[in-house]
Amino acid sequence: MRFSKTQNNNRKSGQGKIDKISIQVITMEQEKQAGQDWLENLLKLMGFSSNVKVDYRENELEGTNECWLIIDETELPLEKTLMLLGEKGEGIDAIQYLANTLINLTVDSDEQQGFTVELNGYRLQRLEQLKSLTEEIAQKVRQTGQEIEMTALSSAERRQIHSFFKNVEDIATESRGQEPNRRLIVKPRY
């Protein structure tokens, strides 16, 4: 989605200038390009000189293709890469949240394009860790019949785990609590 801001010098009741935002509807391909442009511009504003590649990857759990915005780390020193990732991925999670929120700002929810921001293989590595963790937890839930609480997960990670268990007949998941203390519960399905 592209936005252009125009100034209107008309004054209304002495309140000052009135800003207008005009919205231009664009195709999904243009929206993916907008995602790439948005992320490259954000990186420049942050003082990072890096290109962004767009890739499409199949989400086997959802049966959809996802748009990945991959930051080229070849020109980034290690300390800048670590800074962008942040502690426990909080930096890249924040960037991804902004991308998904701002780029889809005026798009109907059923037409929104989801973006995954990747840097240095972090998302793929974390996805494998989550898959392994969910297998262990599912086994414990089956053995004990007790629910298990998973903490310290981002909202995106909670969504992934919900997706992992979506078609598992004997396991159910739910989120409890409020951010930043929201947690995921894995329990037997009755």
N, C-alpha and C. Protein backbone atom coordinates (compact mmCIF):
# COMPACT_ATOMS: atom_id res chain seq x y z
N MET A 1 0.85 -1.16 0.00
CA MET A 1 0.00 0.00 0.00
C MET A 1 0.89 1.23 0.00
N ARG A 2 0.61 2.16 -0.85
CA ARG A 2 1.41 3.38 -0.89
C ARG A 2 0.56 4.55 -0.41
N PHE A 3 1.17 5.40 0.36
CA PHE A 3 0.49 6.56 0.91
C PHE A 3 1.18 7.81 0.42
N SER A 4 0.41 8.83 0.14
CA SER A 4 1.01 10.13 -0.13
C SER A 4 0.31 11.15 0.75
N LYS A 5 1.08 12.02 1.34
CA LYS A 5 0.54 13.00 2.25
C LYS A 5 0.59 14.36 1.57
N THR A 6 -0.54 15.05 1.58
CA THR A 6 -0.58 16.38 0.97
C THR A 6 -0.98 17.39 2.02
N GLN A 7 -0.46 18.58 1.89
CA GLN A 7 -0.80 19.66 2.81
C GLN A 7 -1.94 20.48 2.23
N ASN A 8 -2.87 20.84 3.05
CA ASN A 8 -3.97 21.71 2.66
C ASN A 8 -3.85 22.95 3.53
N ASN A 9 -3.68 24.09 2.91
CA ASN A 9 -3.47 25.32 3.67
C ASN A 9 -4.75 25.95 4.18
N ASN A 10 -5.88 25.33 3.92
CA ASN A 10 -7.14 25.84 4.46
C ASN A 10 -7.11 25.72 5.96
N ARG A 11 -7.52 26.76 6.62
CA ARG A 11 -7.57 26.72 8.08
C ARG A 11 -9.01 26.55 8.50
N LYS A 12 -9.20 25.75 9.50
CA LYS A 12 -10.54 25.49 9.98
C LYS A 12 -10.60 25.87 11.44
N SER A 13 -11.39 26.84 11.78
CA SER A 13 -11.59 27.28 13.16
C SER A 13 -10.29 27.59 13.87
N GLY A 14 -9.29 28.08 13.14
CA GLY A 14 -8.03 28.45 13.77
C GLY A 14 -7.22 27.27 14.28
N GLN A 15 -7.51 26.06 13.81
CA GLN A 15 -6.81 24.88 14.32
C GLN A 15 -5.53 24.58 13.56
N GLY A 16 -5.23 25.30 12.53
CA GLY A 16 -3.99 25.05 11.80
C GLY A 16 -4.24 24.30 10.51
N LYS A 17 -3.18 23.74 9.97
CA LYS A 17 -3.25 23.03 8.70
C LYS A 17 -3.99 21.71 8.84
N ILE A 18 -4.68 21.35 7.79
CA ILE A 18 -5.38 20.07 7.74
C ILE A 18 -4.58 19.15 6.84
N ASP A 19 -4.21 18.01 7.34
CA ASP A 19 -3.48 17.03 6.54
C ASP A 19 -4.48 16.09 5.89
N LYS A 20 -4.21 15.75 4.65
CA LYS A 20 -5.02 14.76 3.95
C LYS A 20 -4.11 13.60 3.58
N ILE A 21 -4.63 12.42 3.68
CA ILE A 21 -3.89 11.25 3.24
C ILE A 21 -4.66 10.65 2.08
N SER A 22 -3.98 10.50 0.95
CA SER A 22 -4.64 9.86 -0.18
C SER A 22 -4.09 8.44 -0.30
N ILE A 23 -4.96 7.52 -0.61
CA ILE A 23 -4.60 6.11 -0.66
C ILE A 23 -4.77 5.62 -2.08
N GLN A 24 -3.76 4.93 -2.55
CA GLN A 24 -3.79 4.38 -3.89
C GLN A 24 -3.83 2.86 -3.79
N VAL A 25 -4.82 2.22 -4.38
CA VAL A 25 -4.94 0.77 -4.34
C VAL A 25 -3.97 0.19 -5.36
N ILE A 26 -3.21 -0.83 -4.93
CA ILE A 26 -2.22 -1.43 -5.81
C ILE A 26 -2.36 -2.95 -5.78
N THR A 27 -1.74 -3.62 -6.73
CA THR A 27 -1.83 -5.08 -6.83
C THR A 27 -0.98 -5.75 -5.76
N MET A 28 -1.18 -7.06 -5.59
CA MET A 28 -0.39 -7.81 -4.62
C MET A 28 1.09 -7.76 -4.96
N GLU A 29 1.42 -7.84 -6.25
CA GLU A 29 2.82 -7.77 -6.66
C GLU A 29 3.42 -6.42 -6.29
N GLN A 30 2.65 -5.37 -6.49
CA GLN A 30 3.12 -4.04 -6.10
C GLN A 30 3.24 -3.94 -4.58
N GLU A 31 2.35 -4.62 -3.87
CA GLU A 31 2.42 -4.60 -2.41
C GLU A 31 3.68 -5.31 -1.93
N LYS A 32 4.05 -6.39 -2.58
CA LYS A 32 5.30 -7.08 -2.22
C LYS A 32 6.50 -6.18 -2.50
N GLN A 33 6.43 -5.45 -3.62
CA GLN A 33 7.50 -4.49 -3.92
C GLN A 33 7.50 -3.38 -2.87
N ALA A 34 6.30 -2.99 -2.44
CA ALA A 34 6.21 -1.97 -1.39
C ALA A 34 6.85 -2.47 -0.10
N GLY A 35 6.68 -3.76 0.20
CA GLY A 35 7.31 -4.34 1.38
C GLY A 35 8.83 -4.27 1.29
N GLN A 36 9.35 -4.61 0.13
CA GLN A 36 10.80 -4.55 -0.08
C GLN A 36 11.29 -3.11 0.03
N ASP A 37 10.61 -2.19 -0.63
CA ASP A 37 11.00 -0.77 -0.57
C ASP A 37 10.92 -0.24 0.85
N TRP A 38 9.83 -0.58 1.56
CA TRP A 38 9.63 -0.10 2.93
C TRP A 38 10.78 -0.56 3.82
N LEU A 39 11.14 -1.84 3.73
CA LEU A 39 12.19 -2.38 4.59
C LEU A 39 13.55 -1.78 4.24
N GLU A 40 13.84 -1.64 2.95
CA GLU A 40 15.12 -1.02 2.56
C GLU A 40 15.20 0.41 3.06
N ASN A 41 14.10 1.16 2.96
CA ASN A 41 14.10 2.54 3.47
C ASN A 41 14.25 2.58 4.98
N LEU A 42 13.58 1.68 5.70
CA LEU A 42 13.72 1.63 7.15
C LEU A 42 15.17 1.35 7.54
N LEU A 43 15.79 0.40 6.87
CA LEU A 43 17.18 0.07 7.17
C LEU A 43 18.09 1.27 6.93
N LYS A 44 17.86 2.00 5.84
CA LYS A 44 18.66 3.20 5.57
C LYS A 44 18.47 4.24 6.67
N LEU A 45 17.21 4.45 7.08
CA LEU A 45 16.94 5.41 8.16
C LEU A 45 17.62 5.00 9.46
N MET A 46 17.79 3.70 9.66
CA MET A 46 18.44 3.19 10.87
C MET A 46 19.97 3.20 10.74
N GLY A 47 20.47 3.57 9.56
CA GLY A 47 21.91 3.62 9.35
C GLY A 47 22.52 2.32 8.88
N PHE A 48 21.70 1.41 8.35
CA PHE A 48 22.19 0.14 7.85
C PHE A 48 22.10 0.15 6.33
N SER A 49 23.19 -0.16 5.69
CA SER A 49 23.21 -0.22 4.23
C SER A 49 23.08 -1.68 3.82
N SER A 50 21.89 -2.07 3.42
CA SER A 50 21.66 -3.46 3.05
C SER A 50 20.51 -3.55 2.05
N ASN A 51 20.63 -4.50 1.15
CA ASN A 51 19.55 -4.76 0.20
C ASN A 51 18.58 -5.77 0.80
N VAL A 52 17.38 -5.80 0.26
CA VAL A 52 16.36 -6.75 0.70
C VAL A 52 15.91 -7.54 -0.52
N LYS A 53 15.90 -8.85 -0.38
CA LYS A 53 15.45 -9.74 -1.44
C LYS A 53 14.06 -10.25 -1.06
N VAL A 54 13.18 -10.38 -2.04
CA VAL A 54 11.84 -10.93 -1.81
C VAL A 54 11.84 -12.37 -2.29
N ASP A 55 11.35 -13.26 -1.44
CA ASP A 55 11.26 -14.68 -1.78
C ASP A 55 9.89 -15.18 -1.36
N TYR A 56 9.40 -16.18 -2.04
CA TYR A 56 8.12 -16.78 -1.69
C TYR A 56 8.37 -18.19 -1.20
N ARG A 57 7.85 -18.49 -0.03
CA ARG A 57 8.07 -19.81 0.57
C ARG A 57 6.73 -20.42 0.94
N GLU A 58 6.65 -21.72 0.75
CA GLU A 58 5.41 -22.42 1.07
C GLU A 58 5.31 -22.66 2.57
N ASN A 59 4.16 -22.32 3.12
CA ASN A 59 3.85 -22.64 4.51
C ASN A 59 3.08 -23.95 4.47
N GLU A 60 3.77 -25.04 4.80
CA GLU A 60 3.16 -26.36 4.70
C GLU A 60 1.96 -26.51 5.62
N LEU A 61 2.02 -25.87 6.79
CA LEU A 61 0.93 -25.99 7.76
C LEU A 61 -0.33 -25.29 7.29
N GLU A 62 -0.16 -24.12 6.67
CA GLU A 62 -1.31 -23.33 6.23
C GLU A 62 -1.69 -23.60 4.77
N GLY A 63 -0.78 -24.23 4.01
CA GLY A 63 -1.04 -24.48 2.60
C GLY A 63 -1.04 -23.21 1.77
N THR A 64 -0.21 -22.26 2.16
CA THR A 64 -0.15 -20.97 1.46
C THR A 64 1.30 -20.64 1.12
N ASN A 65 1.46 -19.70 0.20
CA ASN A 65 2.78 -19.13 -0.07
C ASN A 65 2.91 -17.86 0.73
N GLU A 66 4.07 -17.67 1.34
CA GLU A 66 4.30 -16.49 2.16
C GLU A 66 5.39 -15.65 1.52
N CYS A 67 5.28 -14.36 1.73
CA CYS A 67 6.27 -13.42 1.22
C CYS A 67 7.33 -13.19 2.30
N TRP A 68 8.56 -13.51 1.97
CA TRP A 68 9.68 -13.31 2.89
C TRP A 68 10.51 -12.14 2.39
N LEU A 69 10.78 -11.21 3.29
CA LEU A 69 11.68 -10.09 3.02
C LEU A 69 13.00 -10.44 3.68
N ILE A 70 14.00 -10.76 2.88
CA ILE A 70 15.27 -11.28 3.40
C ILE A 70 16.32 -10.18 3.33
N ILE A 71 16.80 -9.79 4.50
CA ILE A 71 17.83 -8.75 4.59
C ILE A 71 19.17 -9.38 4.23
N ASP A 72 19.87 -8.79 3.26
CA ASP A 72 21.18 -9.28 2.85
C ASP A 72 22.21 -8.83 3.88
N GLU A 73 22.72 -9.81 4.64
CA GLU A 73 23.65 -9.47 5.72
C GLU A 73 25.11 -9.47 5.27
N THR A 74 25.38 -9.73 3.98
CA THR A 74 26.77 -9.82 3.53
C THR A 74 27.54 -8.51 3.71
N GLU A 75 26.85 -7.38 3.66
CA GLU A 75 27.51 -6.09 3.84
C GLU A 75 27.41 -5.56 5.26
N LEU A 76 26.76 -6.32 6.15
CA LEU A 76 26.57 -5.87 7.53
C LEU A 76 27.63 -6.49 8.43
N PRO A 77 28.32 -5.67 9.21
CA PRO A 77 29.22 -6.24 10.22
C PRO A 77 28.41 -7.04 11.24
N LEU A 78 29.06 -7.99 11.90
CA LEU A 78 28.39 -8.87 12.85
C LEU A 78 27.65 -8.09 13.92
N GLU A 79 28.25 -7.03 14.45
CA GLU A 79 27.58 -6.27 15.52
C GLU A 79 26.29 -5.61 15.03
N LYS A 80 26.25 -5.20 13.77
CA LYS A 80 25.01 -4.61 13.24
C LYS A 80 23.95 -5.69 13.01
N THR A 81 24.39 -6.86 12.57
CA THR A 81 23.46 -7.98 12.41
C THR A 81 22.84 -8.34 13.74
N LEU A 82 23.68 -8.44 14.78
CA LEU A 82 23.18 -8.77 16.12
C LEU A 82 22.26 -7.67 16.65
N MET A 83 22.57 -6.42 16.31
CA MET A 83 21.72 -5.30 16.75
C MET A 83 20.34 -5.39 16.10
N LEU A 84 20.30 -5.71 14.82
CA LEU A 84 19.01 -5.84 14.12
C LEU A 84 18.21 -7.02 14.65
N LEU A 85 18.89 -8.11 14.94
CA LEU A 85 18.18 -9.28 15.48
C LEU A 85 17.63 -8.98 16.87
N GLY A 86 18.44 -8.33 17.70
CA GLY A 86 18.03 -8.03 19.06
C GLY A 86 18.07 -9.25 19.95
N GLU A 87 17.89 -9.04 21.23
CA GLU A 87 17.90 -10.14 22.19
C GLU A 87 16.68 -11.03 21.96
N LYS A 88 16.92 -12.31 21.79
CA LYS A 88 15.87 -13.31 21.54
C LYS A 88 15.00 -12.95 20.34
N GLY A 89 15.58 -12.26 19.35
CA GLY A 89 14.85 -11.93 18.13
C GLY A 89 13.88 -10.77 18.27
N GLU A 90 13.96 -10.03 19.39
CA GLU A 90 12.99 -8.95 19.61
C GLU A 90 13.11 -7.82 18.57
N GLY A 91 14.33 -7.55 18.10
CA GLY A 91 14.51 -6.50 17.10
C GLY A 91 13.86 -6.85 15.78
N ILE A 92 14.15 -8.04 15.28
CA ILE A 92 13.58 -8.45 14.00
C ILE A 92 12.07 -8.67 14.12
N ASP A 93 11.61 -9.11 15.31
CA ASP A 93 10.16 -9.24 15.53
C ASP A 93 9.48 -7.88 15.44
N ALA A 94 10.10 -6.86 16.02
CA ALA A 94 9.52 -5.51 15.98
C ALA A 94 9.47 -4.98 14.55
N ILE A 95 10.53 -5.22 13.79
CA ILE A 95 10.56 -4.78 12.39
C ILE A 95 9.47 -5.50 11.60
N GLN A 96 9.32 -6.80 11.83
CA GLN A 96 8.29 -7.57 11.12
C GLN A 96 6.89 -7.09 11.50
N TYR A 97 6.68 -6.81 12.76
CA TYR A 97 5.38 -6.30 13.22
C TYR A 97 5.06 -4.97 12.52
N LEU A 98 6.04 -4.07 12.48
CA LEU A 98 5.83 -2.78 11.80
C LEU A 98 5.53 -2.99 10.32
N ALA A 99 6.27 -3.87 9.68
CA ALA A 99 6.05 -4.12 8.25
C ALA A 99 4.63 -4.60 8.00
N ASN A 100 4.20 -5.59 8.77
CA ASN A 100 2.86 -6.15 8.58
C ASN A 100 1.76 -5.15 8.92
N THR A 101 2.00 -4.32 9.91
CA THR A 101 0.99 -3.34 10.30
C THR A 101 0.91 -2.19 9.30
N LEU A 102 2.04 -1.60 8.97
CA LEU A 102 2.04 -0.40 8.14
C LEU A 102 1.74 -0.70 6.67
N ILE A 103 2.26 -1.78 6.14
CA ILE A 103 2.04 -2.08 4.73
C ILE A 103 0.60 -2.51 4.48
N ASN A 104 -0.02 -3.13 5.47
CA ASN A 104 -1.41 -3.60 5.33
C ASN A 104 -2.42 -2.67 5.97
N LEU A 105 -2.04 -1.45 6.25
CA LEU A 105 -2.85 -0.52 7.02
C LEU A 105 -4.27 -0.36 6.50
N THR A 106 -4.44 -0.26 5.21
CA THR A 106 -5.78 0.00 4.66
C THR A 106 -6.32 -1.17 3.83
N VAL A 107 -5.74 -2.34 4.02
CA VAL A 107 -6.16 -3.51 3.26
C VAL A 107 -7.13 -4.33 4.10
N ASP A 108 -8.22 -4.79 3.50
CA ASP A 108 -9.16 -5.66 4.21
C ASP A 108 -8.41 -6.87 4.76
N SER A 109 -8.80 -7.33 5.93
CA SER A 109 -8.06 -8.40 6.60
C SER A 109 -7.95 -9.67 5.76
N ASP A 110 -8.96 -9.98 4.96
CA ASP A 110 -8.89 -11.19 4.13
C ASP A 110 -8.00 -11.01 2.90
N GLU A 111 -7.56 -9.79 2.63
CA GLU A 111 -6.70 -9.52 1.48
C GLU A 111 -5.29 -9.12 1.88
N GLN A 112 -4.99 -9.11 3.16
CA GLN A 112 -3.68 -8.67 3.62
C GLN A 112 -2.60 -9.67 3.24
N GLN A 113 -1.44 -9.12 2.91
CA GLN A 113 -0.26 -9.92 2.60
C GLN A 113 0.59 -9.98 3.86
N GLY A 114 0.87 -11.17 4.33
CA GLY A 114 1.75 -11.32 5.48
C GLY A 114 3.20 -11.31 5.03
N PHE A 115 4.05 -10.64 5.79
CA PHE A 115 5.47 -10.57 5.49
C PHE A 115 6.26 -11.21 6.63
N THR A 116 7.24 -12.02 6.27
CA THR A 116 8.19 -12.55 7.24
C THR A 116 9.53 -11.88 6.96
N VAL A 117 10.10 -11.25 7.96
CA VAL A 117 11.39 -10.59 7.80
C VAL A 117 12.47 -11.55 8.30
N GLU A 118 13.43 -11.85 7.44
CA GLU A 118 14.49 -12.82 7.74
C GLU A 118 15.85 -12.14 7.71
N LEU A 119 16.70 -12.56 8.61
CA LEU A 119 18.07 -12.05 8.67
C LEU A 119 18.97 -13.17 9.16
N ASN A 120 19.97 -13.49 8.37
CA ASN A 120 21.01 -14.42 8.78
C ASN A 120 20.45 -15.81 9.15
N GLY A 121 19.35 -16.21 8.53
CA GLY A 121 18.76 -17.52 8.78
C GLY A 121 18.07 -17.65 10.13
N TYR A 122 17.85 -16.54 10.82
CA TYR A 122 17.26 -16.58 12.16
C TYR A 122 15.88 -17.23 12.17
N ARG A 123 15.00 -16.81 11.26
CA ARG A 123 13.62 -17.33 11.25
C ARG A 123 13.59 -18.84 10.98
N LEU A 124 14.37 -19.28 10.01
CA LEU A 124 14.38 -20.71 9.69
C LEU A 124 14.93 -21.53 10.86
N GLN A 125 15.99 -21.04 11.47
CA GLN A 125 16.57 -21.74 12.63
C GLN A 125 15.57 -21.76 13.78
N ARG A 126 14.92 -20.64 14.05
CA ARG A 126 13.95 -20.58 15.14
C ARG A 126 12.75 -21.48 14.86
N LEU A 127 12.33 -21.56 13.60
CA LEU A 127 11.22 -22.43 13.23
C LEU A 127 11.56 -23.89 13.54
N GLU A 128 12.77 -24.30 13.23
CA GLU A 128 13.19 -25.67 13.54
C GLU A 128 13.23 -25.91 15.04
N GLN A 129 13.70 -24.91 15.81
CA GLN A 129 13.70 -25.02 17.27
C GLN A 129 12.27 -25.18 17.80
N LEU A 130 11.35 -24.39 17.26
CA LEU A 130 9.96 -24.47 17.71
C LEU A 130 9.33 -25.82 17.37
N LYS A 131 9.64 -26.34 16.18
CA LYS A 131 9.12 -27.66 15.80
C LYS A 131 9.61 -28.73 16.77
N SER A 132 10.89 -28.68 17.09
CA SER A 132 11.46 -29.65 18.02
C SER A 132 10.84 -29.51 19.41
N LEU A 133 10.68 -28.28 19.85
CA LEU A 133 10.09 -28.02 21.16
C LEU A 133 8.64 -28.50 21.22
N THR A 134 7.88 -28.27 20.16
CA THR A 134 6.47 -28.69 20.16
C THR A 134 6.35 -30.21 20.17
N GLU A 135 7.27 -30.90 19.51
CA GLU A 135 7.25 -32.37 19.54
C GLU A 135 7.50 -32.88 20.95
N GLU A 136 8.47 -32.27 21.65
CA GLU A 136 8.76 -32.66 23.03
C GLU A 136 7.56 -32.39 23.94
N ILE A 137 6.97 -31.23 23.79
CA ILE A 137 5.84 -30.86 24.64
C ILE A 137 4.63 -31.74 24.36
N ALA A 138 4.37 -32.03 23.10
CA ALA A 138 3.25 -32.92 22.75
C ALA A 138 3.44 -34.28 23.40
N GLN A 139 4.66 -34.78 23.37
CA GLN A 139 4.94 -36.08 23.98
C GLN A 139 4.69 -36.04 25.49
N LYS A 140 5.12 -34.95 26.16
CA LYS A 140 4.90 -34.83 27.60
C LYS A 140 3.42 -34.72 27.94
N VAL A 141 2.68 -33.96 27.14
CA VAL A 141 1.24 -33.81 27.38
C VAL A 141 0.55 -35.17 27.22
N ARG A 142 0.93 -35.92 26.21
CA ARG A 142 0.33 -37.25 26.00
C ARG A 142 0.67 -38.20 27.14
N GLN A 143 1.91 -38.13 27.62
CA GLN A 143 2.34 -39.03 28.70
C GLN A 143 1.68 -38.70 30.03
N THR A 144 1.57 -37.41 30.35
CA THR A 144 1.09 -37.00 31.67
C THR A 144 -0.40 -36.69 31.70
N GLY A 145 -0.96 -36.34 30.55
CA GLY A 145 -2.36 -35.92 30.53
C GLY A 145 -2.56 -34.54 31.13
N GLN A 146 -1.47 -33.84 31.40
CA GLN A 146 -1.52 -32.51 32.02
C GLN A 146 -1.19 -31.43 30.97
N GLU A 147 -1.74 -30.24 31.18
CA GLU A 147 -1.41 -29.13 30.30
C GLU A 147 -0.02 -28.60 30.64
N ILE A 148 0.64 -28.05 29.63
CA ILE A 148 1.96 -27.46 29.79
C ILE A 148 1.90 -26.02 29.31
N GLU A 149 2.49 -25.14 30.09
CA GLU A 149 2.51 -23.71 29.79
C GLU A 149 3.84 -23.35 29.12
N MET A 150 3.74 -22.67 27.98
CA MET A 150 4.93 -22.21 27.27
C MET A 150 4.99 -20.69 27.41
N THR A 151 6.07 -20.20 27.98
CA THR A 151 6.25 -18.76 28.16
C THR A 151 7.38 -18.28 27.25
N ALA A 152 7.63 -17.01 27.28
CA ALA A 152 8.73 -16.37 26.53
C ALA A 152 8.63 -16.61 25.03
N LEU A 153 7.43 -16.58 24.50
CA LEU A 153 7.22 -16.70 23.06
C LEU A 153 6.66 -15.39 22.53
N SER A 154 7.10 -15.02 21.34
CA SER A 154 6.51 -13.84 20.70
C SER A 154 5.13 -14.22 20.18
N SER A 155 4.34 -13.23 19.83
CA SER A 155 3.00 -13.52 19.30
C SER A 155 3.10 -14.32 18.00
N ALA A 156 4.10 -14.02 17.18
CA ALA A 156 4.29 -14.77 15.94
C ALA A 156 4.63 -16.23 16.23
N GLU A 157 5.45 -16.46 17.25
CA GLU A 157 5.80 -17.83 17.61
C GLU A 157 4.60 -18.57 18.18
N ARG A 158 3.78 -17.89 18.96
CA ARG A 158 2.56 -18.53 19.47
C ARG A 158 1.65 -18.94 18.31
N ARG A 159 1.50 -18.06 17.31
CA ARG A 159 0.68 -18.39 16.14
C ARG A 159 1.24 -19.62 15.42
N GLN A 160 2.57 -19.69 15.31
CA GLN A 160 3.17 -20.85 14.64
C GLN A 160 2.86 -22.13 15.40
N ILE A 161 2.96 -22.08 16.72
CA ILE A 161 2.69 -23.28 17.51
C ILE A 161 1.21 -23.67 17.43
N HIS A 162 0.32 -22.67 17.46
CA HIS A 162 -1.11 -22.98 17.25
C HIS A 162 -1.27 -23.70 15.90
N SER A 163 -0.57 -23.23 14.87
CA SER A 163 -0.65 -23.86 13.54
C SER A 163 -0.10 -25.28 13.56
N PHE A 164 1.00 -25.50 14.29
CA PHE A 164 1.58 -26.84 14.37
C PHE A 164 0.55 -27.84 14.88
N PHE A 165 -0.24 -27.42 15.88
CA PHE A 165 -1.17 -28.33 16.54
C PHE A 165 -2.58 -28.29 15.96
N LYS A 166 -2.81 -27.46 14.97
CA LYS A 166 -4.15 -27.26 14.43
C LYS A 166 -4.82 -28.57 14.01
N ASN A 167 -4.09 -29.43 13.37
CA ASN A 167 -4.66 -30.68 12.86
C ASN A 167 -4.28 -31.90 13.68
N VAL A 168 -3.79 -31.68 14.89
CA VAL A 168 -3.44 -32.80 15.78
C VAL A 168 -4.68 -33.12 16.60
N GLU A 169 -5.18 -34.34 16.46
CA GLU A 169 -6.47 -34.70 17.05
C GLU A 169 -6.49 -34.74 18.57
N ASP A 170 -5.37 -35.09 19.20
CA ASP A 170 -5.39 -35.29 20.65
C ASP A 170 -4.77 -34.14 21.46
N ILE A 171 -4.35 -33.07 20.79
CA ILE A 171 -3.72 -31.93 21.46
C ILE A 171 -4.46 -30.64 21.10
N ALA A 172 -4.69 -29.80 22.09
CA ALA A 172 -5.31 -28.48 21.87
C ALA A 172 -4.37 -27.41 22.43
N THR A 173 -4.50 -26.20 21.90
CA THR A 173 -3.70 -25.07 22.39
C THR A 173 -4.62 -23.89 22.65
N GLU A 174 -4.19 -23.03 23.55
CA GLU A 174 -4.87 -21.76 23.77
C GLU A 174 -3.86 -20.78 24.34
N SER A 175 -4.11 -19.51 24.10
CA SER A 175 -3.27 -18.46 24.68
C SER A 175 -4.01 -17.88 25.88
N ARG A 176 -3.25 -17.57 26.93
CA ARG A 176 -3.83 -16.98 28.13
C ARG A 176 -3.01 -15.76 28.54
N GLY A 177 -3.69 -14.85 29.22
CA GLY A 177 -3.00 -13.67 29.75
C GLY A 177 -2.95 -12.54 28.75
N GLN A 178 -2.32 -11.47 29.18
CA GLN A 178 -2.19 -10.27 28.36
C GLN A 178 -0.71 -10.00 28.09
N GLU A 179 -0.43 -9.36 26.97
CA GLU A 179 0.95 -8.97 26.67
C GLU A 179 1.44 -8.03 27.76
N PRO A 180 2.65 -8.08 28.15
CA PRO A 180 3.75 -8.91 27.63
C PRO A 180 3.85 -10.27 28.32
N ASN A 181 2.87 -10.63 29.13
CA ASN A 181 2.92 -11.89 29.87
C ASN A 181 2.00 -12.97 29.29
N ARG A 182 1.67 -12.84 28.03
CA ARG A 182 0.80 -13.83 27.39
C ARG A 182 1.59 -15.12 27.22
N ARG A 183 0.92 -16.23 27.40
CA ARG A 183 1.58 -17.52 27.30
C ARG A 183 0.69 -18.49 26.55
N LEU A 184 1.30 -19.55 26.07
CA LEU A 184 0.59 -20.55 25.29
C LEU A 184 0.43 -21.81 26.14
N ILE A 185 -0.76 -22.35 26.15
CA ILE A 185 -1.06 -23.57 26.90
C ILE A 185 -1.26 -24.71 25.90
N VAL A 186 -0.55 -25.80 26.12
CA VAL A 186 -0.72 -27.02 25.32
C VAL A 186 -1.34 -28.05 26.24
N LYS A 187 -2.46 -28.64 25.81
CA LYS A 187 -3.20 -29.54 26.70
C LYS A 187 -3.86 -30.66 25.90
N PRO A 188 -4.26 -31.71 26.61
CA PRO A 188 -4.97 -32.79 25.91
C PRO A 188 -6.32 -32.28 25.39
N ARG A 189 -6.70 -32.77 24.24
CA ARG A 189 -8.01 -32.43 23.68
C ARG A 189 -8.97 -33.56 24.05
N TYR A 190 -10.07 -33.19 24.63
CA TYR A 190 -11.05 -34.20 25.07
C TYR A 190 -12.23 -34.23 24.15
